[in-house]
């Protein structure tokens, strides 16, 4: 087994992704570059200003790092199988608990699922994720007219233009986040957007642990899960929620799980996570997702 340190944290910005040289078939290399201040598609960003803006943790950066490392060991990740095992496919939108925390969590989870569908270049799965994201967003009170036409995403998928697909997914995410923030009656309350981020992060952790655990005998990539500050920050933002949001089961569960996962991924650059702790992380994240979205 090969062991080497990794520090591929979730808080990579999109600029770092598009500015890095990856394999020719990587969808990010053809993604349109954004002007400063524009939306940063499906990437986690911490703003430079004094007020913290929620980082939106995308599994894409981490999955790409895992895939690249494993390719060097002649291992090909079967993303379709990974999606089949873990994605919250077949969700009935009307059957999901009709509260803001649960709906926001569902948006995040399906955004994460969409990225795994993108990794596998699966048109049907990706469009299913996008459809669910838009449906949950509308249940959160975002008017369909406030979201961009889905035509560009459909065309990009049909054309197999995966870089553009990556971009369009990110723009859809950013539109939803912006609208949720504008609709928020309390400017400093970011609990609902933090819930979107929590759903995306916990589902992304499930995917990462799944692939890392399956390939530990080939290469130990567990250090790629190192992201304790992000878990702590998401928990902090959720704890600032108004009393009615704090009282919701989804909020309580998310806060508890983020608090339990944080110490398990609080490791140094040159440390790894043991197999038993990886199992703990997987179980905690899986239980959270399955309880919120049964």
Protein backbone atom coordinates (compact mmCIF):
# COMPACT_ATOMS: atom_id res chain seq x y z
CA UNK A 1 0.00 0.00 0.00
CA UNK A 2 1.24 3.47 -0.84
CA UNK A 3 0.76 6.19 1.75
CA UNK A 4 1.32 9.84 1.00
CA UNK A 5 -0.04 13.03 2.58
CA UNK A 6 -2.90 14.88 0.89
CA UNK A 7 -4.43 18.23 1.72
CA UNK A 8 -7.21 18.47 -0.82
CA UNK A 9 -9.71 20.31 1.39
CA UNK A 10 -13.29 21.02 0.35
CA UNK A 11 -12.58 24.74 0.45
CA UNK A 12 -10.93 24.79 -3.02
CA UNK A 13 -12.20 27.69 -5.10
CA UNK A 14 -13.23 27.20 -8.70
CA UNK A 15 -10.38 29.39 -9.93
CA UNK A 16 -7.91 26.91 -8.53
CA UNK A 17 -9.71 24.10 -10.31
CA UNK A 18 -9.84 25.65 -13.75
CA UNK A 19 -6.28 26.87 -13.41
CA UNK A 20 -4.90 23.41 -12.75
CA UNK A 21 -3.82 21.04 -15.46
CA UNK A 22 -5.86 17.85 -15.40
CA UNK A 23 -6.40 15.03 -17.83
CA UNK A 24 -7.82 15.92 -21.22
CA UNK A 25 -11.16 14.30 -20.46
CA UNK A 26 -11.69 16.30 -17.28
CA UNK A 27 -14.85 18.42 -17.60
CA UNK A 28 -13.39 21.31 -15.63
CA UNK A 29 -10.69 22.09 -18.17
CA UNK A 30 -13.29 23.30 -20.65
CA UNK A 31 -15.48 25.11 -18.13
CA UNK A 32 -15.95 28.83 -18.85
CA UNK A 33 -13.80 31.01 -16.62
CA UNK A 34 -15.64 33.49 -14.45
CA UNK A 35 -14.94 37.12 -13.86
CA UNK A 36 -14.00 38.20 -10.32
CA UNK A 37 -17.08 38.43 -8.14
CA UNK A 38 -19.14 36.12 -10.33
CA UNK A 39 -20.71 32.89 -9.10
CA UNK A 40 -18.24 30.14 -8.45
CA UNK A 41 -19.94 26.99 -9.78
CA UNK A 42 -20.27 24.14 -7.36
CA UNK A 43 -17.11 25.14 -5.52
CA UNK A 44 -16.56 25.99 -1.88
CA UNK A 45 -15.52 29.58 -1.30
CA UNK A 46 -14.71 31.61 1.75
CA UNK A 47 -15.03 35.32 1.07
CA UNK A 48 -12.25 37.71 1.99
CA UNK A 49 -14.50 40.13 3.86
CA UNK A 50 -14.90 40.16 7.62
CA UNK A 51 -18.32 38.54 7.45
CA UNK A 52 -18.05 34.85 6.72
CA UNK A 53 -20.08 33.67 3.77
CA UNK A 54 -21.00 30.04 3.75
CA UNK A 55 -18.60 27.81 1.85
CA UNK A 56 -20.43 25.55 -0.53
CA UNK A 57 -18.58 22.26 -0.39
CA UNK A 58 -18.69 20.43 -3.67
CA UNK A 59 -17.56 16.83 -3.82
CA UNK A 60 -16.15 17.55 -7.28
CA UNK A 61 -12.73 18.81 -6.18
CA UNK A 62 -12.24 15.94 -3.81
CA UNK A 63 -13.58 13.27 -6.16
CA UNK A 64 -11.34 14.55 -8.91
CA UNK A 65 -8.33 14.38 -6.59
CA UNK A 66 -9.22 10.84 -5.57
CA UNK A 67 -9.77 9.76 -9.17
CA UNK A 68 -6.49 11.30 -10.32
CA UNK A 69 -4.51 9.62 -7.53
CA UNK A 70 -6.09 6.24 -8.22
CA UNK A 71 -5.52 6.51 -11.96
CA UNK A 72 -1.80 6.68 -11.22
CA UNK A 73 -2.20 3.27 -9.61
CA UNK A 74 -4.13 1.98 -12.64
CA UNK A 75 -7.41 1.99 -10.74
CA UNK A 76 -10.56 3.21 -12.48
CA UNK A 77 -13.43 4.40 -10.30
CA UNK A 78 -16.83 3.10 -11.38
CA UNK A 79 -18.78 6.28 -10.70
CA UNK A 80 -22.03 4.75 -11.93
CA UNK A 81 -21.76 2.05 -9.26
CA UNK A 82 -20.83 4.61 -6.60
CA UNK A 83 -23.88 6.69 -7.52
CA UNK A 84 -26.09 3.61 -7.49
CA UNK A 85 -24.95 2.74 -3.96
CA UNK A 86 -25.27 6.14 -2.33
CA UNK A 87 -27.38 8.62 -4.32
CA UNK A 88 -30.78 9.64 -2.98
CA UNK A 89 -32.41 8.65 -6.22
CA UNK A 90 -36.13 8.17 -6.53
CA UNK A 91 -36.96 10.88 -4.01
CA UNK A 92 -40.59 11.89 -4.10
CA UNK A 93 -40.48 15.64 -3.65
CA UNK A 94 -43.96 15.84 -2.18
CA UNK A 95 -43.14 13.12 0.36
CA UNK A 96 -40.17 14.98 1.85
CA UNK A 97 -40.89 16.84 5.09
CA UNK A 98 -42.22 20.26 4.14
CA UNK A 99 -40.00 22.41 6.35
CA UNK A 100 -37.28 24.79 5.23
CA UNK A 101 -34.41 22.92 6.87
CA UNK A 102 -35.26 19.58 5.28
CA UNK A 103 -35.92 21.07 1.86
CA UNK A 104 -32.61 22.97 1.97
CA UNK A 105 -30.76 19.84 3.07
CA UNK A 106 -32.33 17.97 0.15
CA UNK A 107 -31.10 20.64 -2.29
CA UNK A 108 -27.55 20.11 -1.03
CA UNK A 109 -27.73 16.33 -1.17
CA UNK A 110 -29.01 16.28 -4.74
CA UNK A 111 -26.40 18.85 -5.81
CA UNK A 112 -23.76 16.44 -4.49
CA UNK A 113 -25.44 13.55 -6.31
CA UNK A 114 -25.38 15.61 -9.49
CA UNK A 115 -21.62 16.01 -9.25
CA UNK A 116 -21.14 12.24 -9.00
CA UNK A 117 -23.39 11.82 -12.03
CA UNK A 118 -21.16 14.37 -13.75
CA UNK A 119 -18.05 12.38 -12.79
CA UNK A 120 -19.62 9.36 -14.47
CA UNK A 121 -20.85 11.44 -17.44
CA UNK A 122 -24.34 10.00 -16.95
CA UNK A 123 -26.94 12.17 -18.70
CA UNK A 124 -30.05 10.58 -17.21
CA UNK A 125 -28.83 10.66 -13.62
CA UNK A 126 -27.54 14.22 -13.92
CA UNK A 127 -30.79 15.57 -15.31
CA UNK A 128 -32.73 13.74 -12.59
CA UNK A 129 -30.61 15.48 -9.95
CA UNK A 130 -31.09 18.88 -11.57
CA UNK A 131 -34.85 18.31 -11.75
CA UNK A 132 -34.98 17.46 -8.04
CA UNK A 133 -32.86 20.47 -7.07
CA UNK A 134 -35.18 22.83 -8.91
CA UNK A 135 -38.27 21.15 -7.43
CA UNK A 136 -36.99 21.43 -3.86
CA UNK A 137 -35.96 25.03 -4.50
CA UNK A 138 -39.47 25.87 -5.61
CA UNK A 139 -40.89 24.28 -2.46
CA UNK A 140 -38.56 26.59 -0.52
CA UNK A 141 -40.46 29.49 -2.03
CA UNK A 142 -38.27 30.29 -5.02
CA UNK A 143 -40.48 31.09 -7.97
CA UNK A 144 -39.73 29.13 -11.11
CA UNK A 145 -39.38 32.44 -12.95
CA UNK A 146 -36.52 33.38 -10.59
CA UNK A 147 -34.44 30.46 -11.84
CA UNK A 148 -32.69 30.50 -15.20
CA UNK A 149 -34.13 28.47 -18.01
CA UNK A 150 -32.86 24.90 -17.86
CA UNK A 151 -32.31 24.85 -21.62
CA UNK A 152 -28.54 25.55 -21.50
CA UNK A 153 -28.01 22.63 -19.10
CA UNK A 154 -30.09 20.30 -21.26
CA UNK A 155 -28.20 21.31 -24.39
CA UNK A 156 -24.83 20.91 -22.68
CA UNK A 157 -25.78 17.41 -21.53
CA UNK A 158 -27.11 16.44 -24.95
CA UNK A 159 -23.90 17.73 -26.57
CA UNK A 160 -21.68 15.95 -24.07
CA UNK A 161 -20.10 19.30 -23.19
CA UNK A 162 -19.22 18.33 -19.61
CA UNK A 163 -17.32 21.49 -18.85
CA UNK A 164 -20.42 23.52 -19.66
CA UNK A 165 -22.53 21.08 -17.64
CA UNK A 166 -20.28 21.75 -14.63
CA UNK A 167 -20.73 25.48 -15.15
CA UNK A 168 -24.52 25.28 -15.53
CA UNK A 169 -24.91 23.16 -12.40
CA UNK A 170 -22.91 25.73 -10.49
CA UNK A 171 -24.97 28.61 -11.80
CA UNK A 172 -28.16 26.83 -10.77
CA UNK A 173 -26.72 26.33 -7.28
CA UNK A 174 -25.65 29.95 -7.03
CA UNK A 175 -29.04 31.24 -8.15
CA UNK A 176 -30.77 29.18 -5.48
CA UNK A 177 -28.36 30.31 -2.78
CA UNK A 178 -28.67 33.97 -3.78
CA UNK A 179 -32.44 33.79 -3.80
CA UNK A 180 -32.57 32.05 -0.41
CA UNK A 181 -30.40 34.80 1.04
CA UNK A 182 -32.53 37.56 -0.50
CA UNK A 183 -35.71 35.93 0.80
CA UNK A 184 -34.26 35.66 4.29
CA UNK A 185 -36.04 38.03 6.68
CA UNK A 186 -32.92 38.31 8.86
CA UNK A 187 -29.84 39.41 6.95
CA UNK A 188 -27.36 37.78 9.34
CA UNK A 189 -29.23 34.46 9.51
CA UNK A 190 -27.52 32.09 7.09
CA UNK A 191 -28.94 28.92 8.58
CA UNK A 192 -30.89 27.87 5.49
CA UNK A 193 -27.97 28.33 3.12
CA UNK A 194 -25.80 26.60 5.74
CA UNK A 195 -28.26 23.72 5.60
CA UNK A 196 -27.84 23.47 1.82
CA UNK A 197 -24.08 23.37 2.37
CA UNK A 198 -24.42 20.77 5.14
CA UNK A 199 -26.47 18.47 2.93
CA UNK A 200 -23.92 18.80 0.12
CA UNK A 201 -20.97 18.25 2.46
CA UNK A 202 -22.35 15.23 4.31
CA UNK A 203 -23.42 13.52 1.09
CA UNK A 204 -20.03 14.36 -0.43
CA UNK A 205 -18.31 12.81 2.60
CA UNK A 206 -20.27 9.61 2.00
CA UNK A 207 -19.02 9.41 -1.57
CA UNK A 208 -15.43 10.19 -0.61
CA UNK A 209 -15.28 7.63 2.20
CA UNK A 210 -16.86 4.99 -0.02
CA UNK A 211 -14.21 5.30 -2.73
CA UNK A 212 -11.31 5.81 -0.31
CA UNK A 213 -12.26 2.76 1.79
CA UNK A 214 -12.64 0.53 -1.26
CA UNK A 215 -9.13 1.38 -2.44
CA UNK A 216 -7.11 1.68 0.78
CA UNK A 217 -5.05 -1.41 -0.03
CA UNK A 218 -3.90 0.30 -3.21
CA UNK A 219 -3.35 3.78 -1.81
CA UNK A 220 -4.30 5.48 1.43
CA UNK A 221 -6.11 8.68 0.44
CA UNK A 222 -7.86 9.19 3.77
CA UNK A 223 -6.07 12.50 4.33
CA UNK A 224 -8.28 13.96 1.62
CA UNK A 225 -11.07 14.01 4.19
CA UNK A 226 -9.22 16.58 6.31
CA UNK A 227 -11.74 19.44 6.67
CA UNK A 228 -12.46 19.98 10.37
CA UNK A 229 -12.70 23.81 10.14
CA UNK A 230 -15.47 23.58 7.55
CA UNK A 231 -17.54 21.16 9.66
CA UNK A 232 -17.09 23.46 12.65
CA UNK A 233 -18.13 26.53 10.68
CA UNK A 234 -21.25 24.90 9.26
CA UNK A 235 -22.26 23.82 12.76
CA UNK A 236 -21.69 27.35 14.06
CA UNK A 237 -23.91 28.88 11.35
CA UNK A 238 -26.67 26.35 12.02
CA UNK A 239 -26.55 27.12 15.72
CA UNK A 240 -27.31 30.78 14.90
CA UNK A 241 -30.64 29.81 13.34
CA UNK A 242 -33.88 31.32 14.65
CA UNK A 243 -35.63 29.31 17.34
CA UNK A 244 -38.19 27.81 14.95
CA UNK A 245 -35.45 26.51 12.62
CA UNK A 246 -33.31 25.27 15.53
CA UNK A 247 -36.27 23.25 16.79
CA UNK A 248 -36.59 21.31 13.51
CA UNK A 249 -35.36 17.68 13.59
CA UNK A 250 -33.21 18.22 10.49
CA UNK A 251 -31.38 21.13 12.10
CA UNK A 252 -30.80 19.22 15.33
CA UNK A 253 -29.55 16.15 13.47
CA UNK A 254 -27.22 18.16 11.24
CA UNK A 255 -25.67 20.02 14.16
CA UNK A 256 -25.12 16.79 16.08
CA UNK A 257 -23.54 14.95 13.16
CA UNK A 258 -21.26 17.83 12.18
CA UNK A 259 -20.08 17.94 15.79
CA UNK A 260 -19.41 14.18 15.81
CA UNK A 261 -17.63 14.08 12.45
CA UNK A 262 -15.38 17.10 13.07
CA UNK A 263 -12.89 15.44 15.47
CA UNK A 264 -12.64 12.39 13.21
CA UNK A 265 -11.36 14.53 10.33
CA UNK A 266 -9.27 16.87 12.45
CA UNK A 267 -5.87 15.57 11.36
CA UNK A 268 -2.55 17.03 10.26
CA UNK A 269 -1.30 17.17 6.68
CA UNK A 270 0.84 14.07 7.12
CA UNK A 271 -1.71 12.01 9.04
CA UNK A 272 -4.19 9.44 7.82
CA UNK A 273 -7.56 8.24 9.13
CA UNK A 274 -7.84 4.66 10.30
CA UNK A 275 -10.24 2.22 8.70
CA UNK A 276 -12.44 2.07 11.80
CA UNK A 277 -12.73 5.86 11.92
CA UNK A 278 -13.59 5.93 8.22
CA UNK A 279 -16.41 3.53 9.02
CA UNK A 280 -17.58 5.82 11.82
CA UNK A 281 -17.59 8.82 9.48
CA UNK A 282 -19.50 6.89 6.84
CA UNK A 283 -22.11 5.70 9.34
CA UNK A 284 -22.61 9.15 10.84
CA UNK A 285 -23.07 10.81 7.45
CA UNK A 286 -25.25 7.99 6.13
CA UNK A 287 -27.50 8.04 9.19
CA UNK A 288 -27.93 11.81 8.89
CA UNK A 289 -28.87 11.64 5.22
CA UNK A 290 -31.19 8.65 5.63
CA UNK A 291 -32.96 10.18 8.65
CA UNK A 292 -33.58 13.48 6.92
CA UNK A 293 -34.43 11.93 3.54
CA UNK A 294 -35.79 8.41 4.27
